[in-house]
C-alpha cells in the first residue's frame, strides 16, 4: 500500500538531473554511499543529497546454460511446493471415520506431491519447448555506472562542508 504523504512529496520532484555543487566523485556506488552516510552523520539534511551515476552501462551476467534437465528440475521443484501447499490445505491422506477416529495414509499425501511435481515438470518443459528459440541460458542484468558523483544544492555547500568536518572527513 502506498503512503499518501510520500505521494504528495514525490509530486513536487521532477525527473531532471539534479544540479548543484559536487562534493566528490567515486568509482563505486558503495564509496558514494559511505560518503553520504558521513554527511548524514554530520547532521546534513539527507533530502538535499543526490548520488548521480555517470556513463551508465547495462551489464548482463550469464549464470548458466539452460537445458531440459534444468528446466525439468525447476518445474518439479515448483510443482512440489504447490502440491505441498495444496495437500496441506485439503488434508490429503487424513481420513476421519464415523466414530470420530482419525487415520493417516501418508501414501496419499506423497502421491499428491509426486503428481504435482510431475505436472510442474511437464508444464515447464512444454513452456521451454515453445520458447526454445529465444534463449539457451539464464542471466541477470544490472545497470552499472563508471563513476558516481555526490551533489548538494549550491546554497547548502557550506553546511555540507561543516557536516563533513564534524565527522572528521575532508572532501
N, C-alpha and C. Protein backbone atom coordinates (compact mmCIF):
# COMPACT_ATOMS: atom_id res chain seq x y z
N UNK A 1 0.85 -1.17 0.00
CA UNK A 1 0.00 0.00 0.00
C UNK A 1 0.90 1.23 0.00
N UNK A 2 0.55 2.22 -0.73
CA UNK A 2 1.39 3.42 -0.82
C UNK A 2 1.04 4.39 0.29
N UNK A 3 2.03 5.16 0.67
CA UNK A 3 1.86 6.15 1.70
C UNK A 3 1.45 7.47 1.05
N UNK A 4 0.27 8.02 1.38
CA UNK A 4 -0.18 9.24 0.72
C UNK A 4 0.77 10.42 0.96
N UNK A 5 1.46 10.43 2.11
CA UNK A 5 2.41 11.51 2.39
C UNK A 5 3.56 11.48 1.39
N UNK A 6 4.06 10.27 1.09
CA UNK A 6 5.15 10.15 0.12
C UNK A 6 4.70 10.54 -1.28
N UNK A 7 3.45 10.23 -1.62
CA UNK A 7 2.93 10.58 -2.95
C UNK A 7 2.89 12.09 -3.11
N UNK A 8 2.50 12.80 -2.05
CA UNK A 8 2.46 14.26 -2.11
C UNK A 8 3.85 14.83 -2.28
N UNK A 9 4.83 14.25 -1.58
CA UNK A 9 6.20 14.74 -1.67
C UNK A 9 6.78 14.48 -3.05
N UNK A 10 6.49 13.33 -3.62
CA UNK A 10 7.10 12.98 -4.91
C UNK A 10 6.51 13.78 -6.06
N UNK A 11 5.32 14.33 -5.90
CA UNK A 11 4.71 15.14 -6.96
C UNK A 11 5.52 16.39 -7.25
N UNK A 12 6.18 16.93 -6.22
CA UNK A 12 6.95 18.14 -6.41
C UNK A 12 8.28 17.91 -7.09
N UNK A 13 8.75 16.68 -7.14
CA UNK A 13 10.04 16.37 -7.75
C UNK A 13 9.89 16.20 -9.26
N UNK A 14 10.88 16.66 -9.98
CA UNK A 14 10.89 16.45 -11.42
C UNK A 14 11.83 15.31 -11.74
N UNK A 15 11.78 14.85 -12.96
CA UNK A 15 12.64 13.75 -13.37
C UNK A 15 13.91 14.24 -14.06
N UNK A 16 14.31 15.48 -13.77
CA UNK A 16 15.52 16.01 -14.37
C UNK A 16 16.73 15.69 -13.48
N UNK A 17 17.90 15.82 -14.05
CA UNK A 17 19.14 15.55 -13.31
C UNK A 17 19.37 16.70 -12.33
N UNK A 18 19.62 16.38 -11.05
CA UNK A 18 19.84 17.44 -10.06
C UNK A 18 21.08 18.27 -10.40
N UNK A 19 21.00 19.54 -10.09
CA UNK A 19 22.12 20.44 -10.31
C UNK A 19 22.61 20.90 -8.94
N UNK A 20 23.86 21.27 -8.89
CA UNK A 20 24.42 21.76 -7.63
C UNK A 20 25.92 21.60 -7.60
N UNK A 21 26.45 21.62 -6.41
CA UNK A 21 27.89 21.53 -6.19
C UNK A 21 28.28 20.07 -5.96
N UNK A 22 29.34 19.65 -6.64
CA UNK A 22 29.84 18.29 -6.48
C UNK A 22 30.76 18.24 -5.26
N UNK A 23 30.43 17.39 -4.31
CA UNK A 23 31.28 17.21 -3.14
C UNK A 23 32.33 16.15 -3.34
N UNK A 24 32.16 15.32 -4.37
CA UNK A 24 33.16 14.29 -4.64
C UNK A 24 32.70 13.33 -5.72
N UNK A 25 33.69 12.68 -6.35
CA UNK A 25 33.42 11.63 -7.34
C UNK A 25 34.02 10.33 -6.83
N UNK A 26 33.31 9.24 -7.08
CA UNK A 26 33.71 7.95 -6.56
C UNK A 26 33.62 6.90 -7.65
N UNK A 27 34.47 5.86 -7.54
CA UNK A 27 34.48 4.80 -8.55
C UNK A 27 33.34 3.81 -8.35
N UNK A 28 32.91 3.60 -7.11
CA UNK A 28 31.84 2.63 -6.85
C UNK A 28 30.68 3.29 -6.11
N UNK A 29 29.53 2.68 -6.22
CA UNK A 29 28.35 3.18 -5.52
C UNK A 29 28.54 3.04 -4.01
N UNK A 30 29.23 2.01 -3.59
CA UNK A 30 29.48 1.81 -2.16
C UNK A 30 30.28 2.96 -1.55
N UNK A 31 31.31 3.43 -2.28
CA UNK A 31 32.10 4.56 -1.78
C UNK A 31 31.25 5.81 -1.69
N UNK A 32 30.38 6.03 -2.68
CA UNK A 32 29.50 7.21 -2.66
C UNK A 32 28.52 7.13 -1.50
N UNK A 33 27.96 5.96 -1.21
CA UNK A 33 27.01 5.84 -0.11
C UNK A 33 27.72 6.01 1.24
N UNK A 34 28.95 5.54 1.35
CA UNK A 34 29.71 5.77 2.59
C UNK A 34 29.91 7.27 2.82
N UNK A 35 30.21 8.00 1.75
CA UNK A 35 30.39 9.44 1.84
C UNK A 35 29.09 10.12 2.28
N UNK A 36 27.97 9.68 1.69
CA UNK A 36 26.67 10.23 2.06
C UNK A 36 26.35 9.91 3.52
N UNK A 37 26.70 8.72 3.97
CA UNK A 37 26.49 8.36 5.38
C UNK A 37 27.25 9.30 6.30
N UNK A 38 28.47 9.68 5.91
CA UNK A 38 29.25 10.63 6.72
C UNK A 38 28.57 12.01 6.73
N UNK A 39 28.02 12.42 5.59
CA UNK A 39 27.30 13.69 5.55
C UNK A 39 26.09 13.67 6.48
N UNK A 40 25.33 12.60 6.40
CA UNK A 40 24.13 12.48 7.22
C UNK A 40 24.50 12.39 8.71
N UNK A 41 25.59 11.70 9.02
CA UNK A 41 26.05 11.60 10.40
C UNK A 41 26.45 12.97 10.94
N UNK A 42 26.88 13.86 10.05
CA UNK A 42 27.24 15.22 10.44
C UNK A 42 26.05 16.16 10.48
N UNK A 43 24.83 15.60 10.51
CA UNK A 43 23.58 16.35 10.62
C UNK A 43 23.23 17.16 9.38
N UNK A 44 23.73 16.77 8.21
CA UNK A 44 23.32 17.41 6.97
C UNK A 44 22.01 16.78 6.53
N UNK A 45 21.09 17.57 6.01
CA UNK A 45 19.77 17.06 5.63
C UNK A 45 19.88 16.09 4.46
N UNK A 46 19.41 14.88 4.68
CA UNK A 46 19.53 13.81 3.68
C UNK A 46 18.77 14.10 2.39
N UNK A 47 17.65 14.81 2.48
CA UNK A 47 16.85 15.04 1.28
C UNK A 47 17.47 16.08 0.34
N UNK A 48 18.60 16.64 0.71
CA UNK A 48 19.29 17.60 -0.16
C UNK A 48 20.47 16.96 -0.89
N UNK A 49 20.69 15.68 -0.67
CA UNK A 49 21.84 14.98 -1.26
C UNK A 49 21.37 14.14 -2.44
N UNK A 50 22.15 14.14 -3.52
CA UNK A 50 21.88 13.28 -4.66
C UNK A 50 23.14 12.53 -5.05
N UNK A 51 22.97 11.27 -5.41
CA UNK A 51 24.07 10.49 -5.98
C UNK A 51 23.75 10.30 -7.45
N UNK A 52 24.65 10.75 -8.30
CA UNK A 52 24.41 10.67 -9.75
C UNK A 52 25.42 9.70 -10.35
N UNK A 53 24.92 8.71 -11.07
CA UNK A 53 25.78 7.77 -11.79
C UNK A 53 26.01 8.26 -13.20
N UNK A 54 27.28 8.31 -13.62
CA UNK A 54 27.62 8.77 -14.97
C UNK A 54 28.09 7.59 -15.81
N UNK A 55 27.88 7.69 -17.10
CA UNK A 55 28.31 6.66 -18.06
C UNK A 55 27.72 5.30 -17.71
N UNK A 56 26.39 5.25 -17.67
CA UNK A 56 25.70 4.01 -17.33
C UNK A 56 25.81 2.98 -18.45
N UNK A 57 26.02 1.75 -18.06
CA UNK A 57 26.01 0.62 -18.99
C UNK A 57 25.18 -0.49 -18.35
N UNK A 58 24.61 -1.33 -19.20
CA UNK A 58 23.85 -2.47 -18.71
C UNK A 58 24.75 -3.69 -18.77
N UNK A 59 25.01 -4.28 -17.62
CA UNK A 59 25.85 -5.46 -17.54
C UNK A 59 24.96 -6.68 -17.38
N UNK A 60 25.07 -7.61 -18.31
CA UNK A 60 24.30 -8.85 -18.23
C UNK A 60 25.27 -9.98 -17.93
N UNK A 61 25.09 -10.61 -16.79
CA UNK A 61 25.96 -11.71 -16.38
C UNK A 61 25.27 -13.03 -16.70
N UNK A 62 25.89 -13.84 -17.53
CA UNK A 62 25.34 -15.15 -17.87
C UNK A 62 25.68 -16.08 -16.72
N UNK A 63 24.63 -16.67 -16.12
CA UNK A 63 24.84 -17.52 -14.95
C UNK A 63 25.03 -18.98 -15.31
N UNK A 64 24.22 -19.49 -16.23
CA UNK A 64 24.34 -20.91 -16.57
C UNK A 64 23.61 -21.21 -17.87
N UNK A 65 23.92 -22.36 -18.42
CA UNK A 65 23.25 -22.83 -19.63
C UNK A 65 21.87 -23.34 -19.25
N UNK A 66 20.91 -23.13 -20.13
CA UNK A 66 19.55 -23.57 -19.87
C UNK A 66 19.25 -24.77 -20.77
N UNK A 67 19.02 -25.91 -20.14
CA UNK A 67 18.72 -27.13 -20.88
C UNK A 67 17.50 -27.82 -20.31
N UNK A 68 17.15 -28.96 -20.92
CA UNK A 68 15.96 -29.68 -20.49
C UNK A 68 16.05 -30.14 -19.03
N UNK A 69 17.22 -30.56 -18.61
CA UNK A 69 17.39 -31.04 -17.23
C UNK A 69 17.10 -29.95 -16.21
N UNK A 70 17.68 -28.77 -16.43
CA UNK A 70 17.47 -27.66 -15.51
C UNK A 70 16.01 -27.21 -15.52
N UNK A 71 15.42 -27.17 -16.70
CA UNK A 71 14.02 -26.77 -16.82
C UNK A 71 13.12 -27.78 -16.12
N UNK A 72 13.39 -29.07 -16.29
CA UNK A 72 12.59 -30.11 -15.65
C UNK A 72 12.73 -30.04 -14.13
N UNK A 73 13.95 -29.86 -13.64
CA UNK A 73 14.17 -29.78 -12.20
C UNK A 73 13.46 -28.57 -11.61
N UNK A 74 13.56 -27.43 -12.27
CA UNK A 74 12.89 -26.23 -11.80
C UNK A 74 11.38 -26.42 -11.74
N UNK A 75 10.81 -27.02 -12.78
CA UNK A 75 9.37 -27.29 -12.80
C UNK A 75 8.95 -28.27 -11.73
N UNK A 76 9.78 -29.29 -11.49
CA UNK A 76 9.46 -30.28 -10.46
C UNK A 76 9.47 -29.64 -9.08
N UNK A 77 10.44 -28.78 -8.83
CA UNK A 77 10.50 -28.12 -7.52
C UNK A 77 9.30 -27.20 -7.31
N UNK A 78 8.97 -26.43 -8.33
CA UNK A 78 7.81 -25.54 -8.23
C UNK A 78 6.53 -26.35 -8.02
N UNK A 79 6.37 -27.41 -8.80
CA UNK A 79 5.20 -28.27 -8.65
C UNK A 79 5.14 -28.93 -7.29
N UNK A 80 6.29 -29.35 -6.76
CA UNK A 80 6.35 -29.96 -5.43
C UNK A 80 5.82 -28.99 -4.38
N UNK A 81 6.31 -27.75 -4.42
CA UNK A 81 5.87 -26.77 -3.42
C UNK A 81 4.39 -26.46 -3.54
N UNK A 82 3.91 -26.32 -4.77
CA UNK A 82 2.47 -26.09 -4.95
C UNK A 82 1.66 -27.29 -4.47
N UNK A 83 2.16 -28.50 -4.75
CA UNK A 83 1.49 -29.71 -4.29
C UNK A 83 1.49 -29.81 -2.77
N UNK A 84 2.59 -29.41 -2.15
CA UNK A 84 2.67 -29.44 -0.69
C UNK A 84 1.63 -28.49 -0.07
N UNK A 85 1.54 -27.31 -0.62
CA UNK A 85 0.55 -26.35 -0.12
C UNK A 85 -0.86 -26.89 -0.30
N UNK A 86 -1.14 -27.42 -1.49
CA UNK A 86 -2.47 -27.98 -1.77
C UNK A 86 -2.78 -29.15 -0.84
N UNK A 87 -1.81 -30.06 -0.68
CA UNK A 87 -2.02 -31.25 0.16
C UNK A 87 -2.27 -30.85 1.61
N UNK A 88 -1.56 -29.84 2.09
CA UNK A 88 -1.79 -29.40 3.46
C UNK A 88 -3.14 -28.70 3.62
N UNK A 89 -3.54 -27.94 2.60
CA UNK A 89 -4.82 -27.24 2.68
C UNK A 89 -6.01 -28.20 2.67
N UNK A 90 -5.96 -29.22 1.83
CA UNK A 90 -7.10 -30.13 1.73
C UNK A 90 -6.98 -31.32 2.68
N UNK A 91 -5.84 -31.44 3.36
CA UNK A 91 -5.66 -32.55 4.29
C UNK A 91 -5.53 -33.88 3.61
N UNK A 92 -4.74 -33.93 2.56
CA UNK A 92 -4.55 -35.18 1.81
C UNK A 92 -3.96 -36.25 2.72
N UNK A 93 -4.55 -37.41 2.70
CA UNK A 93 -4.07 -38.54 3.48
C UNK A 93 -4.68 -38.64 4.87
N UNK A 94 -5.46 -37.66 5.26
CA UNK A 94 -6.08 -37.70 6.58
C UNK A 94 -7.56 -38.05 6.39
N UNK A 95 -7.98 -39.10 7.08
CA UNK A 95 -9.37 -39.55 6.99
C UNK A 95 -9.97 -39.64 8.38
N UNK A 96 -11.22 -39.24 8.49
CA UNK A 96 -11.93 -39.39 9.76
C UNK A 96 -13.07 -40.38 9.55
N UNK A 97 -13.24 -41.23 10.51
CA UNK A 97 -14.31 -42.23 10.41
C UNK A 97 -15.57 -41.69 11.10
N UNK A 98 -16.65 -42.46 11.00
CA UNK A 98 -17.94 -42.05 11.57
C UNK A 98 -17.87 -41.94 13.09
N UNK A 99 -17.01 -42.75 13.72
CA UNK A 99 -16.93 -42.70 15.18
C UNK A 99 -15.99 -41.60 15.68
N UNK A 100 -15.39 -40.84 14.76
CA UNK A 100 -14.56 -39.70 15.14
C UNK A 100 -13.07 -39.99 15.20
N UNK A 101 -12.68 -41.21 14.90
CA UNK A 101 -11.24 -41.51 14.93
C UNK A 101 -10.58 -41.00 13.64
N UNK A 102 -9.34 -40.63 13.78
CA UNK A 102 -8.58 -40.07 12.66
C UNK A 102 -7.49 -41.05 12.25
N UNK A 103 -7.39 -41.28 10.95
CA UNK A 103 -6.31 -42.13 10.44
C UNK A 103 -5.52 -41.36 9.40
N UNK A 104 -4.27 -41.71 9.28
CA UNK A 104 -3.38 -41.02 8.36
C UNK A 104 -2.81 -42.01 7.36
N UNK A 105 -2.92 -41.68 6.07
CA UNK A 105 -2.39 -42.52 4.99
C UNK A 105 -1.33 -41.70 4.26
N UNK A 106 -0.06 -41.83 4.67
CA UNK A 106 0.99 -40.99 4.07
C UNK A 106 1.16 -41.21 2.57
N UNK A 107 0.79 -42.39 2.08
CA UNK A 107 0.95 -42.65 0.65
C UNK A 107 0.07 -41.72 -0.19
N UNK A 108 -1.08 -41.32 0.32
CA UNK A 108 -1.93 -40.37 -0.41
C UNK A 108 -1.30 -38.98 -0.43
N UNK A 109 -0.73 -38.59 0.69
CA UNK A 109 -0.05 -37.29 0.77
C UNK A 109 1.13 -37.25 -0.20
N UNK A 110 1.92 -38.31 -0.20
CA UNK A 110 3.08 -38.39 -1.09
C UNK A 110 2.64 -38.45 -2.54
N UNK A 111 1.54 -39.12 -2.82
CA UNK A 111 1.02 -39.20 -4.20
C UNK A 111 0.67 -37.82 -4.73
N UNK A 112 0.08 -36.98 -3.89
CA UNK A 112 -0.25 -35.62 -4.31
C UNK A 112 1.02 -34.85 -4.64
N UNK A 113 2.04 -35.00 -3.80
CA UNK A 113 3.31 -34.32 -4.04
C UNK A 113 3.97 -34.78 -5.34
N UNK A 114 3.98 -36.09 -5.56
CA UNK A 114 4.61 -36.63 -6.77
C UNK A 114 3.84 -36.19 -8.02
N UNK A 115 2.53 -36.22 -7.97
CA UNK A 115 1.74 -35.81 -9.14
C UNK A 115 1.91 -34.32 -9.41
N UNK A 116 1.96 -33.51 -8.38
CA UNK A 116 2.16 -32.07 -8.57
C UNK A 116 3.55 -31.79 -9.13
N UNK A 117 4.57 -32.48 -8.62
CA UNK A 117 5.93 -32.29 -9.14
C UNK A 117 6.00 -32.71 -10.61
N UNK A 118 5.36 -33.83 -10.95
CA UNK A 118 5.34 -34.28 -12.35
C UNK A 118 4.60 -33.30 -13.25
N UNK A 119 3.48 -32.78 -12.76
CA UNK A 119 2.73 -31.79 -13.54
C UNK A 119 3.52 -30.51 -13.74
N UNK A 120 4.20 -30.06 -12.70
CA UNK A 120 5.03 -28.86 -12.81
C UNK A 120 6.17 -29.06 -13.78
N UNK A 121 6.77 -30.26 -13.73
CA UNK A 121 7.86 -30.60 -14.65
C UNK A 121 7.36 -30.59 -16.09
N UNK A 122 6.24 -31.23 -16.32
CA UNK A 122 5.69 -31.30 -17.67
C UNK A 122 5.34 -29.91 -18.22
N UNK A 123 4.68 -29.10 -17.41
CA UNK A 123 4.32 -27.75 -17.86
C UNK A 123 5.56 -26.91 -18.16
N UNK A 124 6.58 -27.02 -17.32
CA UNK A 124 7.80 -26.23 -17.53
C UNK A 124 8.53 -26.68 -18.80
N UNK A 125 8.56 -27.97 -19.05
CA UNK A 125 9.21 -28.48 -20.27
C UNK A 125 8.44 -28.02 -21.51
N UNK A 126 7.12 -28.09 -21.47
CA UNK A 126 6.31 -27.63 -22.61
C UNK A 126 6.52 -26.13 -22.86
N UNK A 127 6.59 -25.35 -21.79
CA UNK A 127 6.83 -23.91 -21.94
C UNK A 127 8.21 -23.66 -22.54
N UNK A 128 9.21 -24.45 -22.12
CA UNK A 128 10.56 -24.31 -22.64
C UNK A 128 10.62 -24.67 -24.12
N UNK A 129 9.94 -25.74 -24.51
CA UNK A 129 9.91 -26.15 -25.91
C UNK A 129 9.26 -25.07 -26.77
N UNK A 130 8.21 -24.45 -26.26
CA UNK A 130 7.50 -23.42 -27.01
C UNK A 130 8.35 -22.17 -27.23
N UNK A 131 9.27 -21.90 -26.32
CA UNK A 131 10.11 -20.69 -26.43
C UNK A 131 11.58 -21.04 -26.62
N UNK A 132 11.89 -22.21 -27.09
CA UNK A 132 13.27 -22.70 -27.22
C UNK A 132 14.16 -21.79 -28.04
N UNK A 133 13.63 -21.16 -29.07
CA UNK A 133 14.48 -20.38 -29.97
C UNK A 133 14.85 -19.02 -29.37
N UNK A 134 14.34 -18.65 -28.20
CA UNK A 134 14.63 -17.33 -27.65
C UNK A 134 15.97 -17.28 -26.93
N UNK A 135 16.16 -18.07 -25.88
CA UNK A 135 17.40 -18.03 -25.11
C UNK A 135 17.76 -19.41 -24.61
N UNK A 136 19.03 -19.72 -24.65
CA UNK A 136 19.51 -21.00 -24.16
C UNK A 136 20.34 -20.84 -22.89
N UNK A 137 20.15 -19.75 -22.16
CA UNK A 137 20.92 -19.52 -20.95
C UNK A 137 20.10 -18.69 -19.96
N UNK A 138 20.56 -18.69 -18.72
CA UNK A 138 19.95 -17.88 -17.66
C UNK A 138 20.93 -16.77 -17.34
N UNK A 139 20.42 -15.54 -17.23
CA UNK A 139 21.30 -14.41 -16.93
C UNK A 139 20.59 -13.42 -16.02
N UNK A 140 21.38 -12.49 -15.50
CA UNK A 140 20.82 -11.39 -14.72
C UNK A 140 21.39 -10.09 -15.25
N UNK A 141 20.59 -9.03 -15.20
CA UNK A 141 21.01 -7.73 -15.73
C UNK A 141 21.05 -6.71 -14.61
N UNK A 142 22.03 -5.79 -14.71
CA UNK A 142 22.16 -4.75 -13.71
C UNK A 142 22.80 -3.52 -14.33
N UNK A 143 22.21 -2.34 -14.10
CA UNK A 143 22.86 -1.13 -14.59
C UNK A 143 24.05 -0.77 -13.69
N UNK A 144 25.16 -0.38 -14.30
CA UNK A 144 26.37 -0.02 -13.56
C UNK A 144 26.90 1.29 -14.15
N UNK A 145 27.35 2.17 -13.28
CA UNK A 145 27.92 3.44 -13.73
C UNK A 145 29.44 3.38 -13.64
N UNK A 146 30.11 4.13 -14.51
CA UNK A 146 31.57 4.19 -14.49
C UNK A 146 32.05 5.02 -13.30
N UNK A 147 31.27 6.02 -12.92
CA UNK A 147 31.64 6.86 -11.76
C UNK A 147 30.36 7.42 -11.14
N UNK A 148 30.46 7.76 -9.87
CA UNK A 148 29.33 8.30 -9.12
C UNK A 148 29.73 9.63 -8.52
N UNK A 149 28.80 10.57 -8.54
CA UNK A 149 29.07 11.92 -8.05
C UNK A 149 28.03 12.27 -6.98
N UNK A 150 28.51 12.84 -5.86
CA UNK A 150 27.61 13.27 -4.79
C UNK A 150 27.40 14.77 -4.96
N UNK A 151 26.12 15.18 -5.09
CA UNK A 151 25.75 16.57 -5.38
C UNK A 151 24.88 17.12 -4.25
N UNK A 152 25.12 18.37 -3.89
CA UNK A 152 24.24 19.09 -2.97
C UNK A 152 23.89 20.43 -3.62
N UNK A 153 22.76 21.04 -3.26
CA UNK A 153 22.42 22.35 -3.82
C UNK A 153 23.50 23.39 -3.50
N UNK A 154 23.68 24.33 -4.43
CA UNK A 154 24.73 25.36 -4.27
C UNK A 154 24.61 26.10 -2.95
N UNK A 155 23.38 26.42 -2.53
CA UNK A 155 23.20 27.20 -1.31
C UNK A 155 23.54 26.42 -0.05
N UNK A 156 23.71 25.09 -0.14
CA UNK A 156 23.98 24.27 1.04
C UNK A 156 25.41 23.74 1.09
N UNK A 157 26.31 24.25 0.25
CA UNK A 157 27.68 23.74 0.19
C UNK A 157 28.41 23.99 1.51
N UNK A 158 28.27 25.17 2.08
CA UNK A 158 28.97 25.50 3.33
C UNK A 158 28.49 24.58 4.45
N UNK A 159 27.19 24.37 4.52
CA UNK A 159 26.62 23.48 5.54
C UNK A 159 27.12 22.05 5.36
N UNK A 160 27.25 21.60 4.11
CA UNK A 160 27.75 20.24 3.84
C UNK A 160 29.20 20.10 4.26
N UNK A 161 30.00 21.11 3.99
CA UNK A 161 31.42 21.06 4.39
C UNK A 161 31.55 21.05 5.91
N UNK A 162 30.71 21.80 6.60
CA UNK A 162 30.72 21.78 8.07
C UNK A 162 30.36 20.39 8.58
N UNK A 163 29.37 19.77 7.95
CA UNK A 163 28.97 18.42 8.35
C UNK A 163 30.10 17.43 8.16
N UNK A 164 30.87 17.58 7.08
CA UNK A 164 31.99 16.69 6.84
C UNK A 164 33.10 16.92 7.87
N UNK A 165 33.32 18.17 8.26
CA UNK A 165 34.33 18.46 9.28
C UNK A 165 33.93 17.91 10.63
N UNK A 166 32.63 17.90 10.93
CA UNK A 166 32.15 17.34 12.19
C UNK A 166 32.43 15.83 12.28
N UNK A 167 32.37 15.17 11.16
CA UNK A 167 32.60 13.71 11.16
C UNK A 167 34.08 13.39 10.96
N UNK A 168 34.90 14.41 10.82
CA UNK A 168 36.35 14.19 10.71
C UNK A 168 36.79 13.80 9.32
N UNK A 169 36.04 14.14 8.29
CA UNK A 169 36.39 13.81 6.91
C UNK A 169 36.46 15.06 6.08
N UNK A 170 37.43 15.11 5.22
CA UNK A 170 37.54 16.24 4.31
C UNK A 170 37.10 15.81 2.93
N UNK A 171 36.87 16.79 2.05
CA UNK A 171 36.44 16.50 0.67
C UNK A 171 37.48 15.72 -0.05
